[in-house]
Amino acid sequence: MAKRAPGDATPPMTVFRAFGNEPFWNVNVEGDTLTFTTPDDPVGVAMQGGRRAVDGGIELHGTHAGKAFTLSVAPGECSDGMSDEVYAMTARFHFGDMDYTGCGEAAK
């Protein structure tokens, strides 16, 4: 992992998750590997992606089984709409012809 710039206190964002509901979805990220799960597919689909910093957040992108995907996670207050919990990141996941929106958090 590269060194951070002086004064950079942001988390390295190497292990985190993005999630949402209506429909329920979850993406666990470890390095450049994403695992996308839904209630219908709890085992999920593992994908390898390229990573780049964008607008204070991170984006992972690539293709899997001929479908393009992009996961974008950025700072911003987010509520999952079902609980009273507030998260510090917003998330968007595009996979094939599906678009998902939700929240993100560093791995616990």
PDB file of N, CA and C in Angstrom:
ATOM      1  N   MET A   1       0.845  -1.170   0.000  1.00  0.00           N
ATOM      2  CA  MET A   1       0.000   0.000   0.000  1.00  0.00           C
ATOM      3  C   MET A   1       0.895   1.239   0.000  1.00  0.00           C
ATOM      4  N   ALA A   2       0.533   2.194  -0.809  1.00  0.00           N
ATOM      5  CA  ALA A   2       1.318   3.422  -0.915  1.00  0.00           C
ATOM      6  C   ALA A   2       1.164   4.265   0.343  1.00  0.00           C
ATOM      7  N   LYS A   3       2.170   5.107   0.583  1.00  0.00           N
ATOM      8  CA  LYS A   3       2.081   6.019   1.719  1.00  0.00           C
ATOM      9  C   LYS A   3       1.050   7.088   1.452  1.00  0.00           C
ATOM     10  N   ARG A   4       0.447   7.612   2.516  1.00  0.00           N
ATOM     11  CA  ARG A   4      -0.537   8.683   2.406  1.00  0.00           C
ATOM     12  C   ARG A   4       0.159  10.039   2.334  1.00  0.00           C
ATOM     13  N   ALA A   5      -0.547  10.986   1.759  1.00  0.00           N
ATOM     14  CA  ALA A   5      -0.040  12.355   1.715  1.00  0.00           C
ATOM     15  C   ALA A   5      -0.042  12.926   3.125  1.00  0.00           C
ATOM     16  N   PRO A   6       0.853  13.873   3.428  1.00  0.00           N
ATOM     17  CA  PRO A   6       0.865  14.492   4.758  1.00  0.00           C
ATOM     18  C   PRO A   6      -0.509  15.061   5.111  1.00  0.00           C
ATOM     19  N   GLY A   7      -0.997  14.736   6.295  1.00  0.00           N
ATOM     20  CA  GLY A   7      -2.289  15.236   6.759  1.00  0.00           C
ATOM     21  C   GLY A   7      -3.484  14.415   6.317  1.00  0.00           C
ATOM     22  N   ASP A   8      -3.273  13.395   5.479  1.00  0.00           N
ATOM     23  CA  ASP A   8      -4.381  12.562   5.002  1.00  0.00           C
ATOM     24  C   ASP A   8      -4.787  11.599   6.113  1.00  0.00           C
ATOM     25  N   ALA A   9      -5.972  11.811   6.680  1.00  0.00           N
ATOM     26  CA  ALA A   9      -6.451  10.972   7.775  1.00  0.00           C
ATOM     27  C   ALA A   9      -7.601  10.079   7.326  1.00  0.00           C
ATOM     28  N   THR A  10      -7.874  10.005   6.025  1.00  0.00           N
ATOM     29  CA  THR A  10      -8.978   9.179   5.540  1.00  0.00           C
ATOM     30  C   THR A  10      -8.613   7.705   5.651  1.00  0.00           C
ATOM     31  N   PRO A  11      -9.613   6.850   5.850  1.00  0.00           N
ATOM     32  CA  PRO A  11      -9.319   5.420   5.934  1.00  0.00           C
ATOM     33  C   PRO A  11      -8.843   4.906   4.571  1.00  0.00           C
ATOM     34  N   PRO A  12      -8.042   3.857   4.541  1.00  0.00           N
ATOM     35  CA  PRO A  12      -7.524   3.355   3.272  1.00  0.00           C
ATOM     36  C   PRO A  12      -8.590   2.705   2.387  1.00  0.00           C
ATOM     37  N   MET A  13      -9.742   2.406   2.924  1.00  0.00           N
ATOM     38  CA  MET A  13     -10.848   1.841   2.161  1.00  0.00           C
ATOM     39  C   MET A  13     -10.451   0.561   1.409  1.00  0.00           C
ATOM     40  N   THR A  14      -9.740  -0.333   2.079  1.00  0.00           N
ATOM     41  CA  THR A  14      -9.397  -1.592   1.436  1.00  0.00           C
ATOM     42  C   THR A  14     -10.381  -2.692   1.805  1.00  0.00           C
ATOM     43  N   VAL A  15     -11.023  -2.582   2.983  1.00  0.00           N
ATOM     44  CA  VAL A  15     -12.025  -3.557   3.400  1.00  0.00           C
ATOM     45  C   VAL A  15     -13.246  -2.784   3.877  1.00  0.00           C
ATOM     46  N   PHE A  16     -14.347  -2.916   3.149  1.00  0.00           N
ATOM     47  CA  PHE A  16     -15.574  -2.219   3.511  1.00  0.00           C
ATOM     48  C   PHE A  16     -16.764  -2.917   2.877  1.00  0.00           C
ATOM     49  N   ARG A  17     -17.951  -2.430   3.162  1.00  0.00           N
ATOM     50  CA  ARG A  17     -19.134  -2.993   2.535  1.00  0.00           C
ATOM     51  C   ARG A  17     -20.066  -1.878   2.103  1.00  0.00           C
ATOM     52  N   ALA A  18     -20.833  -2.172   1.076  1.00  0.00           N
ATOM     53  CA  ALA A  18     -21.881  -1.293   0.582  1.00  0.00           C
ATOM     54  C   ALA A  18     -23.159  -2.121   0.579  1.00  0.00           C
ATOM     55  N   PHE A  19     -24.292  -1.475   0.855  1.00  0.00           N
ATOM     56  CA  PHE A  19     -25.526  -2.243   1.022  1.00  0.00           C
ATOM     57  C   PHE A  19     -26.736  -1.341   0.856  1.00  0.00           C
ATOM     58  N   GLY A  20     -27.874  -1.958   0.615  1.00  0.00           N
ATOM     59  CA  GLY A  20     -29.106  -1.199   0.490  1.00  0.00           C
ATOM     60  C   GLY A  20     -30.312  -2.123   0.525  1.00  0.00           C
ATOM     61  N   ASN A  21     -31.477  -1.504   0.420  1.00  0.00           N
ATOM     62  CA  ASN A  21     -32.707  -2.298   0.402  1.00  0.00           C
ATOM     63  C   ASN A  21     -33.640  -1.780  -0.682  1.00  0.00           C
ATOM     64  N   GLU A  22     -34.665  -2.536  -0.897  1.00  0.00           N
ATOM     65  CA  GLU A  22     -35.651  -2.274  -1.956  1.00  0.00           C
ATOM     66  C   GLU A  22     -34.990  -2.109  -3.304  1.00  0.00           C
ATOM     67  N   PRO A  23     -34.335  -3.115  -3.866  1.00  0.00           N
ATOM     68  CA  PRO A  23     -34.171  -4.470  -3.338  1.00  0.00           C
ATOM     69  C   PRO A  23     -32.964  -4.563  -2.387  1.00  0.00           C
ATOM     70  N   PHE A  24     -32.969  -5.597  -1.556  1.00  0.00           N
ATOM     71  CA  PHE A  24     -31.851  -5.831  -0.647  1.00  0.00           C
ATOM     72  C   PHE A  24     -30.637  -6.286  -1.451  1.00  0.00           C
ATOM     73  N   TRP A  25     -29.484  -5.692  -1.135  1.00  0.00           N
ATOM     74  CA  TRP A  25     -28.242  -6.063  -1.785  1.00  0.00           C
ATOM     75  C   TRP A  25     -27.080  -5.760  -0.857  1.00  0.00           C
ATOM     76  N   ASN A  26     -25.949  -6.391  -1.112  1.00  0.00           N
ATOM     77  CA  ASN A  26     -24.761  -6.208  -0.291  1.00  0.00           C
ATOM     78  C   ASN A  26     -23.533  -6.466  -1.163  1.00  0.00           C
ATOM     79  N   VAL A  27     -22.523  -5.629  -1.024  1.00  0.00           N
ATOM     80  CA  VAL A  27     -21.234  -5.855  -1.677  1.00  0.00           C
ATOM     81  C   VAL A  27     -20.162  -5.755  -0.618  1.00  0.00           C
ATOM     82  N   ASN A  28     -19.440  -6.834  -0.391  1.00  0.00           N
ATOM     83  CA  ASN A  28     -18.282  -6.824   0.499  1.00  0.00           C
ATOM     84  C   ASN A  28     -17.049  -6.624  -0.364  1.00  0.00           C
ATOM     85  N   VAL A  29     -16.170  -5.738   0.068  1.00  0.00           N
ATOM     86  CA  VAL A  29     -14.960  -5.425  -0.694  1.00  0.00           C
ATOM     87  C   VAL A  29     -13.748  -5.753   0.151  1.00  0.00           C
ATOM     88  N   GLU A  30     -12.832  -6.505  -0.437  1.00  0.00           N
ATOM     89  CA  GLU A  30     -11.529  -6.772   0.169  1.00  0.00           C
ATOM     90  C   GLU A  30     -10.498  -6.534  -0.917  1.00  0.00           C
ATOM     91  N   GLY A  31      -9.778  -5.435  -0.809  1.00  0.00           N
ATOM     92  CA  GLY A  31      -8.809  -5.078  -1.838  1.00  0.00           C
ATOM     93  C   GLY A  31      -9.529  -4.752  -3.136  1.00  0.00           C
ATOM     94  N   ASP A  32      -9.230  -5.504  -4.194  1.00  0.00           N
ATOM     95  CA  ASP A  32      -9.857  -5.290  -5.493  1.00  0.00           C
ATOM     96  C   ASP A  32     -10.903  -6.352  -5.811  1.00  0.00           C
ATOM     97  N   THR A  33     -11.320  -7.116  -4.790  1.00  0.00           N
ATOM     98  CA  THR A  33     -12.332  -8.152  -4.979  1.00  0.00           C
ATOM     99  C   THR A  33     -13.634  -7.727  -4.331  1.00  0.00           C
ATOM    100  N   LEU A  34     -14.715  -7.781  -5.108  1.00  0.00           N
ATOM    101  CA  LEU A  34     -16.058  -7.490  -4.597  1.00  0.00           C
ATOM    102  C   LEU A  34     -16.839  -8.793  -4.558  1.00  0.00           C
ATOM    103  N   THR A  35     -17.651  -8.980  -3.539  1.00  0.00           N
ATOM    104  CA  THR A  35     -18.580 -10.099  -3.505  1.00  0.00           C
ATOM    105  C   THR A  35     -19.977  -9.526  -3.363  1.00  0.00           C
ATOM    106  N   PHE A  36     -20.777  -9.705  -4.408  1.00  0.00           N
ATOM    107  CA  PHE A  36     -22.135  -9.175  -4.496  1.00  0.00           C
ATOM    108  C   PHE A  36     -23.121 -10.254  -4.085  1.00  0.00           C
ATOM    109  N   THR A  37     -23.942  -9.971  -3.056  1.00  0.00           N
ATOM    110  CA  THR A  37     -24.938 -10.929  -2.598  1.00  0.00           C
ATOM    111  C   THR A  37     -26.315 -10.276  -2.541  1.00  0.00           C
ATOM    112  N   THR A  38     -27.329 -11.122  -2.636  1.00  0.00           N
ATOM    113  CA  THR A  38     -28.731 -10.729  -2.469  1.00  0.00           C
ATOM    114  C   THR A  38     -29.402 -11.828  -1.663  1.00  0.00           C
ATOM    115  N   PRO A  39     -30.619 -11.599  -1.163  1.00  0.00           N
ATOM    116  CA  PRO A  39     -31.314 -12.673  -0.450  1.00  0.00           C
ATOM    117  C   PRO A  39     -31.524 -13.916  -1.323  1.00  0.00           C
ATOM    118  N   ASP A  40     -31.681 -13.719  -2.633  1.00  0.00           N
ATOM    119  CA  ASP A  40     -31.854 -14.856  -3.539  1.00  0.00           C
ATOM    120  C   ASP A  40     -30.548 -15.575  -3.843  1.00  0.00           C
ATOM    121  N   ASP A  41     -29.417 -14.919  -3.606  1.00  0.00           N
ATOM    122  CA  ASP A  41     -28.098 -15.501  -3.861  1.00  0.00           C
ATOM    123  C   ASP A  41     -27.163 -15.165  -2.707  1.00  0.00           C
ATOM    124  N   PRO A  42     -27.361 -15.821  -1.532  1.00  0.00           N
ATOM    125  CA  PRO A  42     -26.547 -15.496  -0.356  1.00  0.00           C
ATOM    126  C   PRO A  42     -25.070 -15.880  -0.497  1.00  0.00           C
ATOM    127  N   VAL A  43     -24.738 -16.826  -1.378  1.00  0.00           N
ATOM    128  CA  VAL A  43     -23.338 -17.181  -1.606  1.00  0.00           C
ATOM    129  C   VAL A  43     -22.664 -16.060  -2.376  1.00  0.00           C
ATOM    130  N   GLY A  44     -23.362 -15.504  -3.334  1.00  0.00           N
ATOM    131  CA  GLY A  44     -22.886 -14.328  -4.047  1.00  0.00           C
ATOM    132  C   GLY A  44     -22.001 -14.605  -5.229  1.00  0.00           C
ATOM    133  N   VAL A  45     -21.596 -13.520  -5.858  1.00  0.00           N
ATOM    134  CA  VAL A  45     -20.747 -13.536  -7.040  1.00  0.00           C
ATOM    135  C   VAL A  45     -19.496 -12.739  -6.716  1.00  0.00           C
ATOM    136  N   ALA A  46     -18.332 -13.356  -6.856  1.00  0.00           N
ATOM    137  CA  ALA A  46     -17.062 -12.666  -6.616  1.00  0.00           C
ATOM    138  C   ALA A  46     -16.567 -12.079  -7.930  1.00  0.00           C
ATOM    139  N   MET A  47     -16.134 -10.815  -7.885  1.00  0.00           N
ATOM    140  CA  MET A  47     -15.665 -10.109  -9.072  1.00  0.00           C
ATOM    141  C   MET A  47     -14.360  -9.401  -8.764  1.00  0.00           C
ATOM    142  N   GLN A  48     -13.472  -9.323  -9.743  1.00  0.00           N
ATOM    143  CA  GLN A  48     -12.233  -8.561  -9.631  1.00  0.00           C
ATOM    144  C   GLN A  48     -12.430  -7.237 -10.342  1.00  0.00           C
ATOM    145  N   GLY A  49     -11.983  -6.151  -9.704  1.00  0.00           N
ATOM    146  CA  GLY A  49     -12.168  -4.838 -10.313  1.00  0.00           C
ATOM    147  C   GLY A  49     -10.940  -3.962 -10.204  1.00  0.00           C
ATOM    148  N   GLY A  50     -10.901  -2.972 -11.056  1.00  0.00           N
ATOM    149  CA  GLY A  50      -9.889  -1.932 -10.960  1.00  0.00           C
ATOM    150  C   GLY A  50     -10.360  -0.894  -9.961  1.00  0.00           C
ATOM    151  N   ARG A  51      -9.437  -0.212  -9.328  1.00  0.00           N
ATOM    152  CA  ARG A  51      -9.758   0.722  -8.244  1.00  0.00           C
ATOM    153  C   ARG A  51      -9.190   2.092  -8.572  1.00  0.00           C
ATOM    154  N   ARG A  52      -9.990   3.141  -8.252  1.00  0.00           N
ATOM    155  CA  ARG A  52      -9.475   4.504  -8.397  1.00  0.00           C
ATOM    156  C   ARG A  52     -10.168   5.407  -7.389  1.00  0.00           C
ATOM    157  N   ALA A  53      -9.451   6.436  -6.967  1.00  0.00           N
ATOM    158  CA  ALA A  53     -10.004   7.427  -6.045  1.00  0.00           C
ATOM    159  C   ALA A  53     -10.860   8.400  -6.839  1.00  0.00           C
ATOM    160  N   VAL A  54     -12.038   8.742  -6.298  1.00  0.00           N
ATOM    161  CA  VAL A  54     -12.932   9.711  -6.930  1.00  0.00           C
ATOM    162  C   VAL A  54     -13.625  10.544  -5.861  1.00  0.00           C
ATOM    163  N   ASP A  55     -13.575  11.865  -5.974  1.00  0.00           N
ATOM    164  CA  ASP A  55     -14.330  12.787  -5.125  1.00  0.00           C
ATOM    165  C   ASP A  55     -14.320  12.422  -3.642  1.00  0.00           C
ATOM    166  N   GLY A  56     -13.173  12.123  -3.090  1.00  0.00           N
ATOM    167  CA  GLY A  56     -13.059  11.798  -1.676  1.00  0.00           C
ATOM    168  C   GLY A  56     -13.460  10.374  -1.337  1.00  0.00           C
ATOM    169  N   GLY A  57     -13.856   9.606  -2.326  1.00  0.00           N
ATOM    170  CA  GLY A  57     -14.273   8.220  -2.115  1.00  0.00           C
ATOM    171  C   GLY A  57     -13.468   7.285  -2.996  1.00  0.00           C
ATOM    172  N   ILE A  58     -14.127   6.198  -3.382  1.00  0.00           N
ATOM    173  CA  ILE A  58     -13.442   5.187  -4.180  1.00  0.00           C
ATOM    174  C   ILE A  58     -14.418   4.585  -5.176  1.00  0.00           C
ATOM    175  N   GLU A  59     -13.884   4.139  -6.290  1.00  0.00           N
ATOM    176  CA  GLU A  59     -14.693   3.461  -7.297  1.00  0.00           C
ATOM    177  C   GLU A  59     -13.974   2.191  -7.709  1.00  0.00           C
ATOM    178  N   LEU A  60     -14.718   1.110  -7.788  1.00  0.00           N
ATOM    179  CA  LEU A  60     -14.201  -0.148  -8.313  1.00  0.00           C
ATOM    180  C   LEU A  60     -15.029  -0.474  -9.546  1.00  0.00           C
ATOM    181  N   HIS A  61     -14.360  -0.904 -10.605  1.00  0.00           N
ATOM    182  CA  HIS A  61     -15.079  -1.132 -11.854  1.00  0.00           C
ATOM    183  C   HIS A  61     -14.447  -2.292 -12.610  1.00  0.00           C
ATOM    184  N   GLY A  62     -15.230  -2.886 -13.487  1.00  0.00           N
ATOM    185  CA  GLY A  62     -14.735  -3.983 -14.305  1.00  0.00           C
ATOM    186  C   GLY A  62     -15.880  -4.665 -15.014  1.00  0.00           C
ATOM    187  N   THR A  63     -15.626  -5.903 -15.438  1.00  0.00           N
ATOM    188  CA  THR A  63     -16.680  -6.716 -16.049  1.00  0.00           C
ATOM    189  C   THR A  63     -16.651  -8.091 -15.414  1.00  0.00           C
ATOM    190  N   HIS A  64     -17.827  -8.706 -15.380  1.00  0.00           N
ATOM    191  CA  HIS A  64     -17.957 -10.070 -14.874  1.00  0.00           C
ATOM    192  C   HIS A  64     -19.002 -10.771 -15.726  1.00  0.00           C
ATOM    193  N   ALA A  65     -18.633 -11.901 -16.297  1.00  0.00           N
ATOM    194  CA  ALA A  65     -19.540 -12.684 -17.142  1.00  0.00           C
ATOM    195  C   ALA A  65     -20.174 -11.810 -18.232  1.00  0.00           C
ATOM    196  N   GLY A  66     -19.372 -10.912 -18.800  1.00  0.00           N
ATOM    197  CA  GLY A  66     -19.839 -10.058 -19.875  1.00  0.00           C
ATOM    198  C   GLY A  66     -20.673  -8.868 -19.442  1.00  0.00           C
ATOM    199  N   LYS A  67     -20.842  -8.672 -18.134  1.00  0.00           N
ATOM    200  CA  LYS A  67     -21.613  -7.534 -17.615  1.00  0.00           C
ATOM    201  C   LYS A  67     -20.673  -6.548 -16.945  1.00  0.00           C
ATOM    202  N   ALA A  68     -20.837  -5.260 -17.283  1.00  0.00           N
ATOM    203  CA  ALA A  68     -20.034  -4.219 -16.646  1.00  0.00           C
ATOM    204  C   ALA A  68     -20.536  -3.974 -15.224  1.00  0.00           C
ATOM    205  N   PHE A  69     -19.607  -3.635 -14.324  1.00  0.00           N
ATOM    206  CA  PHE A  69     -20.005  -3.241 -12.970  1.00  0.00           C
ATOM    207  C   PHE A  69     -19.181  -2.043 -12.526  1.00  0.00           C
ATOM    208  N   THR A  70     -19.811  -1.224 -11.678  1.00  0.00           N
ATOM    209  CA  THR A  70     -19.139  -0.087 -11.047  1.00  0.00           C
ATOM    210  C   THR A  70     -19.711   0.062  -9.647  1.00  0.00           C
ATOM    211  N   LEU A  71     -18.855   0.089  -8.656  1.00  0.00           N
ATOM    212  CA  LEU A  71     -19.236   0.380  -7.279  1.00  0.00           C
ATOM    213  C   LEU A  71     -18.590   1.700  -6.906  1.00  0.00           C
ATOM    214  N   SER A  72     -19.394   2.673  -6.519  1.00  0.00           N
ATOM    215  CA  SER A  72     -18.899   3.980  -6.082  1.00  0.00           C
ATOM    216  C   SER A  72     -19.304   4.198  -4.635  1.00  0.00           C
ATOM    217  N   VAL A  73     -18.336   4.534  -3.797  1.00  0.00           N
ATOM    218  CA  VAL A  73     -18.587   4.822  -2.385  1.00  0.00           C
ATOM    219  C   VAL A  73     -17.956   6.176  -2.094  1.00  0.00           C
ATOM    220  N   ALA A  74     -18.757   7.085  -1.506  1.00  0.00           N
ATOM    221  CA  ALA A  74     -18.279   8.441  -1.260  1.00  0.00           C
ATOM    222  C   ALA A  74     -18.736   8.916   0.114  1.00  0.00           C
ATOM    223  N   PRO A  75     -18.010   9.862   0.707  1.00  0.00           N
ATOM    224  CA  PRO A  75     -18.441  10.424   1.983  1.00  0.00           C
ATOM    225  C   PRO A  75     -19.809  11.088   1.838  1.00  0.00           C
ATOM    226  N   GLY A  76     -20.624  10.922   2.848  1.00  0.00           N
ATOM    227  CA  GLY A  76     -21.945  11.543   2.853  1.00  0.00           C
ATOM    228  C   GLY A  76     -22.859  10.801   3.806  1.00  0.00           C
ATOM    229  N   GLU A  77     -23.636  11.536   4.552  1.00  0.00           N
ATOM    230  CA  GLU A  77     -24.552  10.918   5.510  1.00  0.00           C
ATOM    231  C   GLU A  77     -25.581  10.076   4.765  1.00  0.00           C
ATOM    232  N   CYS A  78     -25.847   8.887   5.284  1.00  0.00           N
ATOM    233  CA  CYS A  78     -26.743   7.949   4.625  1.00  0.00           C
ATOM    234  C   CYS A  78     -27.518   7.159   5.677  1.00  0.00           C
ATOM    235  N   SER A  79     -28.797   6.974   5.432  1.00  0.00           N
ATOM    236  CA  SER A  79     -29.639   6.120   6.280  1.00  0.00           C
ATOM    237  C   SER A  79     -30.149   4.990   5.411  1.00  0.00           C
ATOM    238  N   ASP A  80     -30.203   3.797   5.968  1.00  0.00           N
ATOM    239  CA  ASP A  80     -30.672   2.665   5.174  1.00  0.00           C
ATOM    240  C   ASP A  80     -32.196   2.649   5.018  1.00  0.00           C
ATOM    241  N   GLY A  81     -32.876   3.557   5.683  1.00  0.00           N
ATOM    242  CA  GLY A  81     -34.319   3.659   5.538  1.00  0.00           C
ATOM    243  C   GLY A  81     -35.109   2.661   6.361  1.00  0.00           C
ATOM    244  N   MET A  82     -34.448   1.719   7.001  1.00  0.00           N
ATOM    245  CA  MET A  82     -35.160   0.708   7.782  1.00  0.00           C
ATOM    246  C   MET A  82     -34.788   0.734   9.252  1.00  0.00           C
ATOM    247  N   SER A  83     -33.670   1.348   9.565  1.00  0.00           N
ATOM    248  CA  SER A  83     -33.242   1.417  10.960  1.00  0.00           C
ATOM    249  C   SER A  83     -32.958   2.881  11.282  1.00  0.00           C
ATOM    250  N   ASP A  84     -32.632   3.141  12.517  1.00  0.00           N
ATOM    251  CA  ASP A  84     -32.281   4.500  12.911  1.00  0.00           C
ATOM    252  C   ASP A  84     -30.789   4.774  12.741  1.00  0.00           C
ATOM    253  N   GLU A  85     -30.058   3.798  12.211  1.00  0.00           N
ATOM    254  CA  GLU A  85     -28.613   3.952  12.074  1.00  0.00           C
ATOM    255  C   GLU A  85     -28.276   4.873  10.899  1.00  0.00           C
ATOM    256  N   VAL A  86     -27.299   5.735  11.114  1.00  0.00           N
ATOM    257  CA  VAL A  86     -26.818   6.650  10.085  1.00  0.00           C
ATOM    258  C   VAL A  86     -25.378   6.253   9.762  1.00  0.00           C
ATOM    259  N   TYR A  87     -25.084   6.144   8.477  1.00  0.00           N
ATOM    260  CA  TYR A  87     -23.760   5.734   8.016  1.00  0.00           C
ATOM    261  C   TYR A  87     -23.036   6.939   7.423  1.00  0.00           C
ATOM    262  N   ALA A  88     -21.713   6.869   7.371  1.00  0.00           N
ATOM    263  CA  ALA A  88     -20.902   8.003   6.931  1.00  0.00           C
ATOM    264  C   ALA A  88     -20.615   8.001   5.432  1.00  0.00           C
ATOM    265  N   MET A  89     -21.089   6.989   4.703  1.00  0.00           N
ATOM    266  CA  MET A  89     -20.817   6.906   3.276  1.00  0.00           C
ATOM    267  C   MET A  89     -22.076   6.547   2.493  1.00  0.00           C
ATOM    268  N   THR A  90     -22.155   7.068   1.281  1.00  0.00           N
ATOM    269  CA  THR A  90     -23.209   6.679   0.349  1.00  0.00           C
ATOM    270  C   THR A  90     -22.600   5.716  -0.661  1.00  0.00           C
ATOM    271  N   ALA A  91     -23.443   4.878  -1.260  1.00  0.00           N
ATOM    272  CA  ALA A  91     -22.948   3.886  -2.210  1.00  0.00           C
ATOM    273  C   ALA A  91     -23.906   3.753  -3.391  1.00  0.00           C
ATOM    274  N   ARG A  92     -23.304   3.494  -4.552  1.00  0.00           N
ATOM    275  CA  ARG A  92     -24.058   3.178  -5.762  1.00  0.00           C
ATOM    276  C   ARG A  92     -23.367   1.982  -6.397  1.00  0.00           C
ATOM    277  N   PHE A  93     -24.170   1.004  -6.835  1.00  0.00           N
ATOM    278  CA  PHE A  93     -23.616  -0.181  -7.498  1.00  0.00           C
ATOM    279  C   PHE A  93     -24.401  -0.414  -8.775  1.00  0.00           C
ATOM    280  N   HIS A  94     -23.687  -0.447  -9.873  1.00  0.00           N
ATOM    281  CA  HIS A  94     -24.280  -0.740 -11.170  1.00  0.00           C
ATOM    282  C   HIS A  94     -23.702  -2.070 -11.630  1.00  0.00           C
ATOM    283  N   PHE A  95     -24.570  -3.027 -11.994  1.00  0.00           N
ATOM    284  CA  PHE A  95     -24.120  -4.336 -12.463  1.00  0.00           C
ATOM    285  C   PHE A  95     -25.038  -4.762 -13.598  1.00  0.00           C
ATOM    286  N   GLY A  96     -24.479  -4.848 -14.791  1.00  0.00           N
ATOM    287  CA  GLY A  96     -25.296  -5.185 -15.954  1.00  0.00           C
ATOM    288  C   GLY A  96     -26.326  -4.096 -16.184  1.00  0.00           C
ATOM    289  N   ASP A  97     -27.600  -4.479 -16.159  1.00  0.00           N
ATOM    290  CA  ASP A  97     -28.660  -3.484 -16.362  1.00  0.00           C
ATOM    291  C   ASP A  97     -29.350  -3.092 -15.058  1.00  0.00           C
ATOM    292  N   MET A  98     -28.739  -3.437 -13.922  1.00  0.00           N
ATOM    293  CA  MET A  98     -29.320  -3.117 -12.612  1.00  0.00           C
ATOM    294  C   MET A  98     -28.531  -1.993 -11.935  1.00  0.00           C
ATOM    295  N   ASP A  99     -29.266  -1.096 -11.269  1.00  0.00           N
ATOM    296  CA  ASP A  99     -28.663  -0.020 -10.481  1.00  0.00           C
ATOM    297  C   ASP A  99     -29.157  -0.123  -9.047  1.00  0.00           C
ATOM    298  N   TYR A 100     -28.239  -0.051  -8.102  1.00  0.00           N
ATOM    299  CA  TYR A 100     -28.560  -0.142  -6.686  1.00  0.00           C
ATOM    300  C   TYR A 100     -28.005   1.093  -5.991  1.00  0.00           C
ATOM    301  N   THR A 101     -28.723   1.621  -5.012  1.00  0.00           N
ATOM    302  CA  THR A 101     -28.226   2.726  -4.196  1.00  0.00           C
ATOM    303  C   THR A 101     -28.336   2.331  -2.733  1.00  0.00           C
ATOM    304  N   GLY A 102     -27.452   2.886  -1.920  1.00  0.00           N
ATOM    305  CA  GLY A 102     -27.487   2.569  -0.499  1.00  0.00           C
ATOM    306  C   GLY A 102     -26.380   3.277   0.247  1.00  0.00           C
ATOM    307  N   CYS A 103     -25.894   2.612   1.282  1.00  0.00           N
ATOM    308  CA  CYS A 103     -24.908   3.179   2.202  1.00  0.00           C
ATOM    309  C   CYS A 103     -23.637   2.340   2.182  1.00  0.00           C
ATOM    310  N   GLY A 104     -22.608   2.863   2.830  1.00  0.00           N
ATOM    311  CA  GLY A 104     -21.361   2.136   2.947  1.00  0.00           C
ATOM    312  C   GLY A 104     -20.760   2.327   4.326  1.00  0.00           C
ATOM    313  N   GLU A 105     -19.894   1.397   4.697  1.00  0.00           N
ATOM    314  CA  GLU A 105     -19.183   1.497   5.968  1.00  0.00           C
ATOM    315  C   GLU A 105     -17.911   0.687   5.909  1.00  0.00           C
ATOM    316  N   ALA A 106     -16.922   1.116   6.676  1.00  0.00           N
ATOM    317  CA  ALA A 106     -15.686   0.354   6.803  1.00  0.00           C
ATOM    318  C   ALA A 106     -15.996  -0.960   7.501  1.00  0.00           C
ATOM    319  N   ALA A 107     -15.225  -1.983   7.203  1.00  0.00           N
ATOM    320  CA  ALA A 107     -15.436  -3.287   7.823  1.00  0.00           C
ATOM    321  C   ALA A 107     -15.283  -3.167   9.339  1.00  0.00           C
ATOM    322  N   LYS A 108     -16.091  -3.934  10.040  1.00  0.00           N
ATOM    323  CA  LYS A 108     -16.030  -3.917  11.509  1.00  0.00           C
ATOM    324  C   LYS A 108     -15.311  -5.134  12.012  1.00  0.00           C
TER     325      LYS A 108
END
